[in-house]
Amino acid sequence: MIKDEHGLKKALCKELKKLPNTYVTDNLANSMTGRGKPDLIVLHNGYTLYIELKHPNGKSVPREEQKIVHSKIRKAGGYVLVARSIDRVLDALEVIYNAPSYDIVYDNLEKAFGEDGMLDL
């Protein structure tokens, strides 16, 4: 059972590394890169998904500085998913995989997970 955000990150990275055509990297913030960045960057079948992990208990939400960075990523054409479970991320990757064309991938993600990546979080 996953008890905290760190445990979720570790388990999720392990699962993602099993998938074909998938690359995952930790997006650690530091004094050089700034705060508020999503926890993980996942490249899957040519698409980039930024993942903000939150505690599996469902009580935490993105901080204001995170919301600002998420907004900048979206304005630049990226998609940020806020996730509390491995299944949520795998569902998003399935949306990417099943999209018939590049032009509608992020539209499909917004329909499934909301513009802010938090629909039915």
PDB file of N, CA and C in Angstrom:
ATOM      1  N   MET A   1       0.845  -1.192   0.000  1.00  0.00           N
ATOM      2  CA  MET A   1       0.000   0.000   0.000  1.00  0.00           C
ATOM      3  C   MET A   1       0.887   1.251   0.000  1.00  0.00           C
ATOM      4  N   ILE A   2       0.540   2.209  -0.840  1.00  0.00           N
ATOM      5  CA  ILE A   2       1.298   3.448  -0.946  1.00  0.00           C
ATOM      6  C   ILE A   2       0.820   4.407   0.143  1.00  0.00           C
ATOM      7  N   LYS A   3       1.778   4.874   0.963  1.00  0.00           N
ATOM      8  CA  LYS A   3       1.407   5.673   2.124  1.00  0.00           C
ATOM      9  C   LYS A   3       1.634   7.168   1.969  1.00  0.00           C
ATOM     10  N   ASP A   4       2.514   7.551   1.047  1.00  0.00           N
ATOM     11  CA  ASP A   4       2.822   8.974   0.925  1.00  0.00           C
ATOM     12  C   ASP A   4       3.232   9.313  -0.501  1.00  0.00           C
ATOM     13  N   GLU A   5       3.472  10.591  -0.729  1.00  0.00           N
ATOM     14  CA  GLU A   5       3.820  11.065  -2.070  1.00  0.00           C
ATOM     15  C   GLU A   5       5.128  10.453  -2.563  1.00  0.00           C
ATOM     16  N   HIS A   6       6.118  10.320  -1.679  1.00  0.00           N
ATOM     17  CA  HIS A   6       7.395   9.710  -2.072  1.00  0.00           C
ATOM     18  C   HIS A   6       7.189   8.255  -2.504  1.00  0.00           C
ATOM     19  N   GLY A   7       6.381   7.522  -1.758  1.00  0.00           N
ATOM     20  CA  GLY A   7       6.089   6.139  -2.112  1.00  0.00           C
ATOM     21  C   GLY A   7       5.363   6.032  -3.441  1.00  0.00           C
ATOM     22  N   LEU A   8       4.456   6.990  -3.691  1.00  0.00           N
ATOM     23  CA  LEU A   8       3.740   7.031  -4.964  1.00  0.00           C
ATOM     24  C   LEU A   8       4.713   7.286  -6.105  1.00  0.00           C
ATOM     25  N   LYS A   9       5.626   8.226  -5.927  1.00  0.00           N
ATOM     26  CA  LYS A   9       6.603   8.544  -6.967  1.00  0.00           C
ATOM     27  C   LYS A   9       7.471   7.324  -7.285  1.00  0.00           C
ATOM     28  N   LYS A  10       7.943   6.659  -6.268  1.00  0.00           N
ATOM     29  CA  LYS A  10       8.806   5.485  -6.454  1.00  0.00           C
ATOM     30  C   LYS A  10       8.060   4.370  -7.191  1.00  0.00           C
ATOM     31  N   ALA A  11       6.845   4.083  -6.759  1.00  0.00           N
ATOM     32  CA  ALA A  11       6.049   3.014  -7.389  1.00  0.00           C
ATOM     33  C   ALA A  11       5.670   3.387  -8.823  1.00  0.00           C
ATOM     34  N   LEU A  12       5.312   4.652  -9.041  1.00  0.00           N
ATOM     35  CA  LEU A  12       4.929   5.097 -10.377  1.00  0.00           C
ATOM     36  C   LEU A  12       6.114   5.006 -11.336  1.00  0.00           C
ATOM     37  N   CYS A  13       7.274   5.464 -10.916  1.00  0.00           N
ATOM     38  CA  CYS A  13       8.464   5.394 -11.780  1.00  0.00           C
ATOM     39  C   CYS A  13       8.775   3.945 -12.148  1.00  0.00           C
ATOM     40  N   LYS A  14       8.625   3.057 -11.210  1.00  0.00           N
ATOM     41  CA  LYS A  14       8.869   1.632 -11.471  1.00  0.00           C
ATOM     42  C   LYS A  14       7.911   1.115 -12.545  1.00  0.00           C
ATOM     43  N   GLU A  15       6.641   1.489 -12.460  1.00  0.00           N
ATOM     44  CA  GLU A  15       5.651   1.055 -13.447  1.00  0.00           C
ATOM     45  C   GLU A  15       5.907   1.680 -14.816  1.00  0.00           C
ATOM     46  N   LEU A  16       6.216   2.967 -14.825  1.00  0.00           N
ATOM     47  CA  LEU A  16       6.418   3.665 -16.087  1.00  0.00           C
ATOM     48  C   LEU A  16       7.632   3.133 -16.844  1.00  0.00           C
ATOM     49  N   LYS A  17       8.646   2.734 -16.118  1.00  0.00           N
ATOM     50  CA  LYS A  17       9.857   2.213 -16.766  1.00  0.00           C
ATOM     51  C   LYS A  17       9.616   0.873 -17.455  1.00  0.00           C
ATOM     52  N   LYS A  18       8.518   0.219 -17.149  1.00  0.00           N
ATOM     53  CA  LYS A  18       8.151  -1.049 -17.801  1.00  0.00           C
ATOM     54  C   LYS A  18       7.493  -0.821 -19.162  1.00  0.00           C
ATOM     55  N   LEU A  19       6.980   0.373 -19.406  1.00  0.00           N
ATOM     56  CA  LEU A  19       6.217   0.648 -20.618  1.00  0.00           C
ATOM     57  C   LEU A  19       7.128   0.891 -21.817  1.00  0.00           C
ATOM     58  N   PRO A  20       6.738   0.404 -22.995  1.00  0.00           N
ATOM     59  CA  PRO A  20       7.522   0.697 -24.200  1.00  0.00           C
ATOM     60  C   PRO A  20       7.355   2.169 -24.597  1.00  0.00           C
ATOM     61  N   ASN A  21       8.340   2.689 -25.281  1.00  0.00           N
ATOM     62  CA  ASN A  21       8.289   4.060 -25.800  1.00  0.00           C
ATOM     63  C   ASN A  21       7.986   5.089 -24.717  1.00  0.00           C
ATOM     64  N   THR A  22       8.557   4.866 -23.535  1.00  0.00           N
ATOM     65  CA  THR A  22       8.298   5.752 -22.402  1.00  0.00           C
ATOM     66  C   THR A  22       9.605   6.083 -21.696  1.00  0.00           C
ATOM     67  N   TYR A  23       9.779   7.362 -21.404  1.00  0.00           N
ATOM     68  CA  TYR A  23      10.934   7.830 -20.642  1.00  0.00           C
ATOM     69  C   TYR A  23      10.404   8.681 -19.498  1.00  0.00           C
ATOM     70  N   VAL A  24      10.912   8.457 -18.305  1.00  0.00           N
ATOM     71  CA  VAL A  24      10.477   9.227 -17.139  1.00  0.00           C
ATOM     72  C   VAL A  24      11.697   9.786 -16.425  1.00  0.00           C
ATOM     73  N   THR A  25      11.566  11.027 -15.985  1.00  0.00           N
ATOM     74  CA  THR A  25      12.648  11.652 -15.237  1.00  0.00           C
ATOM     75  C   THR A  25      12.073  12.475 -14.094  1.00  0.00           C
ATOM     76  N   ASP A  26      12.812  12.482 -12.996  1.00  0.00           N
ATOM     77  CA  ASP A  26      12.446  13.283 -11.835  1.00  0.00           C
ATOM     78  C   ASP A  26      12.717  14.745 -12.175  1.00  0.00           C
ATOM     79  N   ASN A  27      11.857  15.607 -11.761  1.00  0.00           N
ATOM     80  CA  ASN A  27      11.965  17.023 -12.081  1.00  0.00           C
ATOM     81  C   ASN A  27      12.235  17.812 -10.805  1.00  0.00           C
ATOM     82  N   LEU A  28      13.331  17.472 -10.139  1.00  0.00           N
ATOM     83  CA  LEU A  28      13.638  18.092  -8.849  1.00  0.00           C
ATOM     84  C   LEU A  28      13.861  19.593  -8.976  1.00  0.00           C
ATOM     85  N   ALA A  29      13.266  20.310  -8.057  1.00  0.00           N
ATOM     86  CA  ALA A  29      13.465  21.756  -8.017  1.00  0.00           C
ATOM     87  C   ALA A  29      14.664  22.060  -7.125  1.00  0.00           C
ATOM     88  N   ASN A  30      15.389  23.085  -7.489  1.00  0.00           N
ATOM     89  CA  ASN A  30      16.483  23.557  -6.647  1.00  0.00           C
ATOM     90  C   ASN A  30      16.627  25.059  -6.853  1.00  0.00           C
ATOM     91  N   SER A  31      17.620  25.654  -6.219  1.00  0.00           N
ATOM     92  CA  SER A  31      17.766  27.108  -6.302  1.00  0.00           C
ATOM     93  C   SER A  31      18.053  27.582  -7.724  1.00  0.00           C
ATOM     94  N   MET A  32      18.614  26.720  -8.557  1.00  0.00           N
ATOM     95  CA  MET A  32      18.919  27.100  -9.937  1.00  0.00           C
ATOM     96  C   MET A  32      17.679  27.012 -10.841  1.00  0.00           C
ATOM     97  N   THR A  33      16.817  26.044 -10.591  1.00  0.00           N
ATOM     98  CA  THR A  33      15.693  25.804 -11.489  1.00  0.00           C
ATOM     99  C   THR A  33      14.374  26.365 -10.974  1.00  0.00           C
ATOM    100  N   GLY A  34      14.302  26.715  -9.714  1.00  0.00           N
ATOM    101  CA  GLY A  34      13.085  27.294  -9.174  1.00  0.00           C
ATOM    102  C   GLY A  34      12.152  26.270  -8.563  1.00  0.00           C
ATOM    103  N   ARG A  35      11.128  26.792  -7.899  1.00  0.00           N
ATOM    104  CA  ARG A  35      10.162  25.945  -7.203  1.00  0.00           C
ATOM    105  C   ARG A  35       8.860  25.883  -7.976  1.00  0.00           C
ATOM    106  N   GLY A  36       8.035  24.897  -7.636  1.00  0.00           N
ATOM    107  CA  GLY A  36       6.705  24.800  -8.213  1.00  0.00           C
ATOM    108  C   GLY A  36       6.594  23.906  -9.426  1.00  0.00           C
ATOM    109  N   LYS A  37       7.724  23.321  -9.849  1.00  0.00           N
ATOM    110  CA  LYS A  37       7.693  22.458 -11.032  1.00  0.00           C
ATOM    111  C   LYS A  37       7.007  21.129 -10.709  1.00  0.00           C
ATOM    112  N   PRO A  38       6.341  20.521 -11.690  1.00  0.00           N
ATOM    113  CA  PRO A  38       5.754  19.195 -11.479  1.00  0.00           C
ATOM    114  C   PRO A  38       6.834  18.184 -11.089  1.00  0.00           C
ATOM    115  N   ASP A  39       6.426  17.136 -10.399  1.00  0.00           N
ATOM    116  CA  ASP A  39       7.366  16.152  -9.863  1.00  0.00           C
ATOM    117  C   ASP A  39       8.065  15.317 -10.925  1.00  0.00           C
ATOM    118  N   LEU A  40       7.346  14.955 -11.965  1.00  0.00           N
ATOM    119  CA  LEU A  40       7.897  14.072 -12.991  1.00  0.00           C
ATOM    120  C   LEU A  40       7.627  14.614 -14.386  1.00  0.00           C
ATOM    121  N   ILE A  41       8.524  14.278 -15.307  1.00  0.00           N
ATOM    122  CA  ILE A  41       8.292  14.535 -16.726  1.00  0.00           C
ATOM    123  C   ILE A  41       8.289  13.170 -17.403  1.00  0.00           C
ATOM    124  N   VAL A  42       7.207  12.883 -18.130  1.00  0.00           N
ATOM    125  CA  VAL A  42       7.081  11.598 -18.809  1.00  0.00           C
ATOM    126  C   VAL A  42       6.936  11.858 -20.303  1.00  0.00           C
ATOM    127  N   LEU A  43       7.788  11.225 -21.079  1.00  0.00           N
ATOM    128  CA  LEU A  43       7.656  11.247 -22.535  1.00  0.00           C
ATOM    129  C   LEU A  43       7.113   9.880 -22.930  1.00  0.00           C
ATOM    130  N   HIS A  44       6.010   9.890 -23.665  1.00  0.00           N
ATOM    131  CA  HIS A  44       5.345   8.640 -24.025  1.00  0.00           C
ATOM    132  C   HIS A  44       4.854   8.748 -25.463  1.00  0.00           C
ATOM    133  N   ASN A  45       5.370   7.891 -26.312  1.00  0.00           N
ATOM    134  CA  ASN A  45       4.976   7.874 -27.725  1.00  0.00           C
ATOM    135  C   ASN A  45       5.037   9.260 -28.367  1.00  0.00           C
ATOM    136  N   GLY A  46       6.061  10.028 -28.030  1.00  0.00           N
ATOM    137  CA  GLY A  46       6.260  11.331 -28.647  1.00  0.00           C
ATOM    138  C   GLY A  46       5.566  12.491 -27.956  1.00  0.00           C
ATOM    139  N   TYR A  47       4.860  12.257 -26.871  1.00  0.00           N
ATOM    140  CA  TYR A  47       4.144  13.299 -26.146  1.00  0.00           C
ATOM    141  C   TYR A  47       4.753  13.478 -24.768  1.00  0.00           C
ATOM    142  N   THR A  48       4.687  14.709 -24.270  1.00  0.00           N
ATOM    143  CA  THR A  48       5.225  15.009 -22.954  1.00  0.00           C
ATOM    144  C   THR A  48       4.079  15.264 -21.986  1.00  0.00           C
ATOM    145  N   LEU A  49       4.166  14.609 -20.853  1.00  0.00           N
ATOM    146  CA  LEU A  49       3.176  14.759 -19.791  1.00  0.00           C
ATOM    147  C   LEU A  49       3.922  15.132 -18.515  1.00  0.00           C
ATOM    148  N   TYR A  50       3.559  16.258 -17.934  1.00  0.00           N
ATOM    149  CA  TYR A  50       4.140  16.690 -16.666  1.00  0.00           C
ATOM    150  C   TYR A  50       3.209  16.197 -15.561  1.00  0.00           C
ATOM    151  N   ILE A  51       3.779  15.575 -14.544  1.00  0.00           N
ATOM    152  CA  ILE A  51       2.946  14.974 -13.507  1.00  0.00           C
ATOM    153  C   ILE A  51       3.263  15.591 -12.154  1.00  0.00           C
ATOM    154  N   GLU A  52       2.235  16.144 -11.542  1.00  0.00           N
ATOM    155  CA  GLU A  52       2.315  16.657 -10.175  1.00  0.00           C
ATOM    156  C   GLU A  52       1.684  15.610  -9.278  1.00  0.00           C
ATOM    157  N   LEU A  53       2.475  15.025  -8.403  1.00  0.00           N
ATOM    158  CA  LEU A  53       1.973  13.988  -7.503  1.00  0.00           C
ATOM    159  C   LEU A  53       1.495  14.618  -6.205  1.00  0.00           C
ATOM    160  N   LYS A  54       0.399  14.102  -5.715  1.00  0.00           N
ATOM    161  CA  LYS A  54      -0.152  14.549  -4.442  1.00  0.00           C
ATOM    162  C   LYS A  54      -0.422  13.336  -3.561  1.00  0.00           C
ATOM    163  N   HIS A  55      -0.460  13.582  -2.279  1.00  0.00           N
ATOM    164  CA  HIS A  55      -0.633  12.512  -1.295  1.00  0.00           C
ATOM    165  C   HIS A  55      -1.850  11.662  -1.626  1.00  0.00           C
ATOM    166  N   PRO A  56      -1.693  10.349  -1.576  1.00  0.00           N
ATOM    167  CA  PRO A  56      -2.810   9.459  -1.915  1.00  0.00           C
ATOM    168  C   PRO A  56      -4.061   9.633  -1.050  1.00  0.00           C
ATOM    169  N   ASN A  57      -3.946  10.273   0.116  1.00  0.00           N
ATOM    170  CA  ASN A  57      -5.124  10.426   0.984  1.00  0.00           C
ATOM    171  C   ASN A  57      -6.131  11.437   0.461  1.00  0.00           C
ATOM    172  N   GLY A  58      -5.745  12.208  -0.567  1.00  0.00           N
ATOM    173  CA  GLY A  58      -6.691  13.121  -1.203  1.00  0.00           C
ATOM    174  C   GLY A  58      -6.847  14.467  -0.558  1.00  0.00           C
ATOM    175  N   LYS A  59      -6.029  14.802   0.434  1.00  0.00           N
ATOM    176  CA  LYS A  59      -6.215  16.071   1.139  1.00  0.00           C
ATOM    177  C   LYS A  59      -5.407  17.225   0.569  1.00  0.00           C
ATOM    178  N   SER A  60      -4.281  16.941  -0.061  1.00  0.00           N
ATOM    179  CA  SER A  60      -3.440  18.036  -0.544  1.00  0.00           C
ATOM    180  C   SER A  60      -3.811  18.422  -1.976  1.00  0.00           C
ATOM    181  N   VAL A  61      -3.620  19.684  -2.274  1.00  0.00           N
ATOM    182  CA  VAL A  61      -3.857  20.233  -3.614  1.00  0.00           C
ATOM    183  C   VAL A  61      -2.604  21.018  -4.007  1.00  0.00           C
ATOM    184  N   PRO A  62      -2.438  21.326  -5.296  1.00  0.00           N
ATOM    185  CA  PRO A  62      -1.257  22.095  -5.702  1.00  0.00           C
ATOM    186  C   PRO A  62      -1.192  23.442  -4.983  1.00  0.00           C
ATOM    187  N   ARG A  63       0.035  23.796  -4.559  1.00  0.00           N
ATOM    188  CA  ARG A  63       0.277  25.095  -3.933  1.00  0.00           C
ATOM    189  C   ARG A  63       0.189  26.189  -4.995  1.00  0.00           C
ATOM    190  N   GLU A  64       0.069  27.417  -4.559  1.00  0.00           N
ATOM    191  CA  GLU A  64      -0.082  28.547  -5.483  1.00  0.00           C
ATOM    192  C   GLU A  64       1.097  28.628  -6.459  1.00  0.00           C
ATOM    193  N   GLU A  65       2.313  28.448  -5.959  1.00  0.00           N
ATOM    194  CA  GLU A  65       3.478  28.513  -6.853  1.00  0.00           C
ATOM    195  C   GLU A  65       3.441  27.384  -7.886  1.00  0.00           C
ATOM    196  N   GLN A  66       2.894  26.236  -7.507  1.00  0.00           N
ATOM    197  CA  GLN A  66       2.749  25.132  -8.457  1.00  0.00           C
ATOM    198  C   GLN A  66       1.705  25.474  -9.510  1.00  0.00           C
ATOM    199  N   LYS A  67       0.608  26.069  -9.103  1.00  0.00           N
ATOM    200  CA  LYS A  67      -0.437  26.458 -10.053  1.00  0.00           C
ATOM    201  C   LYS A  67       0.100  27.447 -11.086  1.00  0.00           C
ATOM    202  N   ILE A  68       0.970  28.350 -10.665  1.00  0.00           N
ATOM    203  CA  ILE A  68       1.553  29.326 -11.584  1.00  0.00           C
ATOM    204  C   ILE A  68       2.424  28.620 -12.618  1.00  0.00           C
ATOM    205  N   VAL A  69       3.278  27.696 -12.164  1.00  0.00           N
ATOM    206  CA  VAL A  69       4.141  26.953 -13.088  1.00  0.00           C
ATOM    207  C   VAL A  69       3.293  26.083 -14.016  1.00  0.00           C
ATOM    208  N   HIS A  70       2.282  25.418 -13.481  1.00  0.00           N
ATOM    209  CA  HIS A  70       1.393  24.579 -14.303  1.00  0.00           C
ATOM    210  C   HIS A  70       0.748  25.416 -15.405  1.00  0.00           C
ATOM    211  N   SER A  71       0.320  26.614 -15.053  1.00  0.00           N
ATOM    212  CA  SER A  71      -0.299  27.505 -16.031  1.00  0.00           C
ATOM    213  C   SER A  71       0.692  27.877 -17.138  1.00  0.00           C
ATOM    214  N   LYS A  72       1.924  28.140 -16.775  1.00  0.00           N
ATOM    215  CA  LYS A  72       2.957  28.471 -17.773  1.00  0.00           C
ATOM    216  C   LYS A  72       3.208  27.293 -18.710  1.00  0.00           C
ATOM    217  N   ILE A  73       3.228  26.087 -18.160  1.00  0.00           N
ATOM    218  CA  ILE A  73       3.433  24.887 -18.983  1.00  0.00           C
ATOM    219  C   ILE A  73       2.285  24.749 -19.977  1.00  0.00           C
ATOM    220  N   ARG A  74       1.059  24.940 -19.500  1.00  0.00           N
ATOM    221  CA  ARG A  74      -0.106  24.819 -20.385  1.00  0.00           C
ATOM    222  C   ARG A  74      -0.084  25.886 -21.486  1.00  0.00           C
ATOM    223  N   LYS A  75       0.274  27.098 -21.125  1.00  0.00           N
ATOM    224  CA  LYS A  75       0.341  28.178 -22.120  1.00  0.00           C
ATOM    225  C   LYS A  75       1.398  27.887 -23.172  1.00  0.00           C
ATOM    226  N   ALA A  76       2.429  27.118 -22.791  1.00  0.00           N
ATOM    227  CA  ALA A  76       3.494  26.754 -23.731  1.00  0.00           C
ATOM    228  C   ALA A  76       3.114  25.522 -24.552  1.00  0.00           C
ATOM    229  N   GLY A  77       1.916  24.962 -24.304  1.00  0.00           N
ATOM    230  CA  GLY A  77       1.443  23.832 -25.091  1.00  0.00           C
ATOM    231  C   GLY A  77       1.603  22.478 -24.422  1.00  0.00           C
ATOM    232  N   GLY A  78       1.995  22.453 -23.157  1.00  0.00           N
ATOM    233  CA  GLY A  78       2.157  21.191 -22.436  1.00  0.00           C
ATOM    234  C   GLY A  78       0.909  20.840 -21.654  1.00  0.00           C
ATOM    235  N   TYR A  79       0.944  19.680 -21.026  1.00  0.00           N
ATOM    236  CA  TYR A  79      -0.178  19.247 -20.201  1.00  0.00           C
ATOM    237  C   TYR A  79       0.353  18.765 -18.857  1.00  0.00           C
ATOM    238  N   VAL A  80      -0.260  19.255 -17.788  1.00  0.00           N
ATOM    239  CA  VAL A  80       0.110  18.863 -16.428  1.00  0.00           C
ATOM    240  C   VAL A  80      -1.037  18.044 -15.845  1.00  0.00           C
ATOM    241  N   LEU A  81      -0.699  16.879 -15.370  1.00  0.00           N
ATOM    242  CA  LEU A  81      -1.691  16.024 -14.721  1.00  0.00           C
ATOM    243  C   LEU A  81      -1.390  15.981 -13.229  1.00  0.00           C
ATOM    244  N   VAL A  82      -2.397  16.242 -12.404  1.00  0.00           N
ATOM    245  CA  VAL A  82      -2.264  16.104 -10.961  1.00  0.00           C
ATOM    246  C   VAL A  82      -2.788  14.714 -10.612  1.00  0.00           C
ATOM    247  N   ALA A  83      -1.941  13.922  -9.957  1.00  0.00           N
ATOM    248  CA  ALA A  83      -2.302  12.521  -9.734  1.00  0.00           C
ATOM    249  C   ALA A  83      -2.046  12.082  -8.300  1.00  0.00           C
ATOM    250  N   ARG A  84      -2.952  11.242  -7.815  1.00  0.00           N
ATOM    251  CA  ARG A  84      -2.817  10.619  -6.496  1.00  0.00           C
ATOM    252  C   ARG A  84      -2.638   9.106  -6.597  1.00  0.00           C
ATOM    253  N   SER A  85      -2.630   8.595  -7.836  1.00  0.00           N
ATOM    254  CA  SER A  85      -2.531   7.144  -8.003  1.00  0.00           C
ATOM    255  C   SER A  85      -1.816   6.792  -9.300  1.00  0.00           C
ATOM    256  N   ILE A  86      -1.281   5.599  -9.334  1.00  0.00           N
ATOM    257  CA  ILE A  86      -0.644   5.077 -10.544  1.00  0.00           C
ATOM    258  C   ILE A  86      -1.680   4.933 -11.644  1.00  0.00           C
ATOM    259  N   ASP A  87      -2.856   4.448 -11.297  1.00  0.00           N
ATOM    260  CA  ASP A  87      -3.913   4.226 -12.290  1.00  0.00           C
ATOM    261  C   ASP A  87      -4.280   5.510 -13.031  1.00  0.00           C
ATOM    262  N   ARG A  88      -4.301   6.625 -12.335  1.00  0.00           N
ATOM    263  CA  ARG A  88      -4.640   7.897 -12.974  1.00  0.00           C
ATOM    264  C   ARG A  88      -3.627   8.243 -14.059  1.00  0.00           C
ATOM    265  N   VAL A  89      -2.358   8.025 -13.781  1.00  0.00           N
ATOM    266  CA  VAL A  89      -1.318   8.312 -14.771  1.00  0.00           C
ATOM    267  C   VAL A  89      -1.411   7.335 -15.935  1.00  0.00           C
ATOM    268  N   LEU A  90      -1.609   6.069 -15.640  1.00  0.00           N
ATOM    269  CA  LEU A  90      -1.739   5.079 -16.711  1.00  0.00           C
ATOM    270  C   LEU A  90      -2.958   5.372 -17.588  1.00  0.00           C
ATOM    271  N   ASP A  91      -4.038   5.861 -16.983  1.00  0.00           N
ATOM    272  CA  ASP A  91      -5.214   6.258 -17.760  1.00  0.00           C
ATOM    273  C   ASP A  91      -4.867   7.407 -18.716  1.00  0.00           C
ATOM    274  N   ALA A  92      -4.081   8.365 -18.246  1.00  0.00           N
ATOM    275  CA  ALA A  92      -3.686   9.486 -19.107  1.00  0.00           C
ATOM    276  C   ALA A  92      -2.812   9.000 -20.253  1.00  0.00           C
ATOM    277  N   LEU A  93      -1.911   8.072 -19.992  1.00  0.00           N
ATOM    278  CA  LEU A  93      -1.063   7.539 -21.052  1.00  0.00           C
ATOM    279  C   LEU A  93      -1.890   6.761 -22.070  1.00  0.00           C
ATOM    280  N   GLU A  94      -2.944   6.126 -21.620  1.00  0.00           N
ATOM    281  CA  GLU A  94      -3.839   5.423 -22.542  1.00  0.00           C
ATOM    282  C   GLU A  94      -4.561   6.422 -23.457  1.00  0.00           C
ATOM    283  N   VAL A  95      -4.966   7.563 -22.894  1.00  0.00           N
ATOM    284  CA  VAL A  95      -5.591   8.609 -23.707  1.00  0.00           C
ATOM    285  C   VAL A  95      -4.609   9.064 -24.788  1.00  0.00           C
ATOM    286  N   ILE A  96      -3.351   9.262 -24.408  1.00  0.00           N
ATOM    287  CA  ILE A  96      -2.329   9.662 -25.375  1.00  0.00           C
ATOM    288  C   ILE A  96      -2.164   8.597 -26.444  1.00  0.00           C
ATOM    289  N   TYR A  97      -2.035   7.359 -26.021  1.00  0.00           N
ATOM    290  CA  TYR A  97      -1.795   6.256 -26.955  1.00  0.00           C
ATOM    291  C   TYR A  97      -2.937   6.092 -27.958  1.00  0.00           C
ATOM    292  N   ASN A  98      -4.166   6.295 -27.498  1.00  0.00           N
ATOM    293  CA  ASN A  98      -5.340   6.061 -28.348  1.00  0.00           C
ATOM    294  C   ASN A  98      -5.776   7.271 -29.164  1.00  0.00           C
ATOM    295  N   ALA A  99      -5.104   8.392 -29.006  1.00  0.00           N
ATOM    296  CA  ALA A  99      -5.482   9.576 -29.788  1.00  0.00           C
ATOM    297  C   ALA A  99      -5.152   9.347 -31.255  1.00  0.00           C
ATOM    298  N   PRO A 100      -6.097   9.628 -32.148  1.00  0.00           N
ATOM    299  CA  PRO A 100      -5.865   9.369 -33.563  1.00  0.00           C
ATOM    300  C   PRO A 100      -4.876  10.324 -34.222  1.00  0.00           C
ATOM    301  N   SER A 101      -4.659  11.513 -33.619  1.00  0.00           N
ATOM    302  CA  SER A 101      -3.704  12.439 -34.226  1.00  0.00           C
ATOM    303  C   SER A 101      -3.099  13.342 -33.163  1.00  0.00           C
ATOM    304  N   TYR A 102      -1.951  13.887 -33.497  1.00  0.00           N
ATOM    305  CA  TYR A 102      -1.236  14.779 -32.592  1.00  0.00           C
ATOM    306  C   TYR A 102      -2.094  15.970 -32.186  1.00  0.00           C
ATOM    307  N   ASP A 103      -2.847  16.511 -33.109  1.00  0.00           N
ATOM    308  CA  ASP A 103      -3.608  17.726 -32.871  1.00  0.00           C
ATOM    309  C   ASP A 103      -4.630  17.608 -31.748  1.00  0.00           C
ATOM    310  N   ILE A 104      -5.100  16.416 -31.477  1.00  0.00           N
ATOM    311  CA  ILE A 104      -6.163  16.302 -30.471  1.00  0.00           C
ATOM    312  C   ILE A 104      -5.734  15.591 -29.183  1.00  0.00           C
ATOM    313  N   VAL A 105      -4.470  15.260 -29.048  1.00  0.00           N
ATOM    314  CA  VAL A 105      -4.030  14.578 -27.830  1.00  0.00           C
ATOM    315  C   VAL A 105      -4.353  15.395 -26.591  1.00  0.00           C
ATOM    316  N   TYR A 106      -3.909  16.654 -26.559  1.00  0.00           N
ATOM    317  CA  TYR A 106      -4.124  17.455 -25.359  1.00  0.00           C
ATOM    318  C   TYR A 106      -5.596  17.805 -25.177  1.00  0.00           C
ATOM    319  N   ASP A 107      -6.342  17.938 -26.272  1.00  0.00           N
ATOM    320  CA  ASP A 107      -7.784  18.130 -26.156  1.00  0.00           C
ATOM    321  C   ASP A 107      -8.425  16.924 -25.473  1.00  0.00           C
ATOM    322  N   ASN A 108      -8.009  15.731 -25.873  1.00  0.00           N
ATOM    323  CA  ASN A 108      -8.547  14.510 -25.261  1.00  0.00           C
ATOM    324  C   ASN A 108      -8.171  14.420 -23.783  1.00  0.00           C
ATOM    325  N   LEU A 109      -6.948  14.830 -23.441  1.00  0.00           N
ATOM    326  CA  LEU A 109      -6.548  14.827 -22.032  1.00  0.00           C
ATOM    327  C   LEU A 109      -7.401  15.804 -21.229  1.00  0.00           C
ATOM    328  N   GLU A 110      -7.664  16.985 -21.791  1.00  0.00           N
ATOM    329  CA  GLU A 110      -8.503  17.949 -21.084  1.00  0.00           C
ATOM    330  C   GLU A 110      -9.920  17.430 -20.897  1.00  0.00           C
ATOM    331  N   LYS A 111     -10.447  16.744 -21.884  1.00  0.00           N
ATOM    332  CA  LYS A 111     -11.797  16.168 -21.754  1.00  0.00           C
ATOM    333  C   LYS A 111     -11.818  15.107 -20.661  1.00  0.00           C
ATOM    334  N   ALA A 112     -10.761  14.313 -20.571  1.00  0.00           N
ATOM    335  CA  ALA A 112     -10.721  13.224 -19.599  1.00  0.00           C
ATOM    336  C   ALA A 112     -10.359  13.696 -18.191  1.00  0.00           C
ATOM    337  N   PHE A 113      -9.476  14.696 -18.092  1.00  0.00           N
ATOM    338  CA  PHE A 113      -8.933  15.060 -16.780  1.00  0.00           C
ATOM    339  C   PHE A 113      -9.126  16.515 -16.396  1.00  0.00           C
ATOM    340  N   GLY A 114      -9.719  17.313 -17.265  1.00  0.00           N
ATOM    341  CA  GLY A 114      -9.953  18.715 -16.964  1.00  0.00           C
ATOM    342  C   GLY A 114      -8.802  19.594 -17.416  1.00  0.00           C
ATOM    343  N   GLU A 115      -9.112  20.859 -17.618  1.00  0.00           N
ATOM    344  CA  GLU A 115      -8.108  21.807 -18.094  1.00  0.00           C
ATOM    345  C   GLU A 115      -6.955  21.931 -17.109  1.00  0.00           C
ATOM    346  N   ASP A 116      -7.245  21.820 -15.820  1.00  0.00           N
ATOM    347  CA  ASP A 116      -6.190  21.948 -14.821  1.00  0.00           C
ATOM    348  C   ASP A 116      -5.635  20.584 -14.388  1.00  0.00           C
ATOM    349  N   GLY A 117      -6.040  19.516 -15.081  1.00  0.00           N
ATOM    350  CA  GLY A 117      -5.525  18.185 -14.761  1.00  0.00           C
ATOM    351  C   GLY A 117      -6.084  17.598 -13.485  1.00  0.00           C
ATOM    352  N   MET A 118      -7.135  18.216 -12.949  1.00  0.00           N
ATOM    353  CA  MET A 118      -7.629  17.778 -11.650  1.00  0.00           C
ATOM    354  C   MET A 118      -9.066  17.264 -11.664  1.00  0.00           C
ATOM    355  N   LEU A 119      -9.673  17.133 -12.833  1.00  0.00           N
ATOM    356  CA  LEU A 119     -11.044  16.647 -12.918  1.00  0.00           C
ATOM    357  C   LEU A 119     -11.154  15.273 -12.259  1.00  0.00           C
ATOM    358  N   ASP A 120     -12.082  15.123 -11.362  1.00  0.00           N
ATOM    359  CA  ASP A 120     -12.306  13.863 -10.651  1.00  0.00           C
ATOM    360  C   ASP A 120     -11.042  13.337  -9.983  1.00  0.00           C
ATOM    361  N   LEU A 121     -10.254  14.249  -9.454  1.00  0.00           N
ATOM    362  CA  LEU A 121      -9.021  13.871  -8.779  1.00  0.00           C
ATOM    363  C   LEU A 121      -9.350  13.021  -7.596  1.00  0.00           C
TER     364      LEU A 121
END
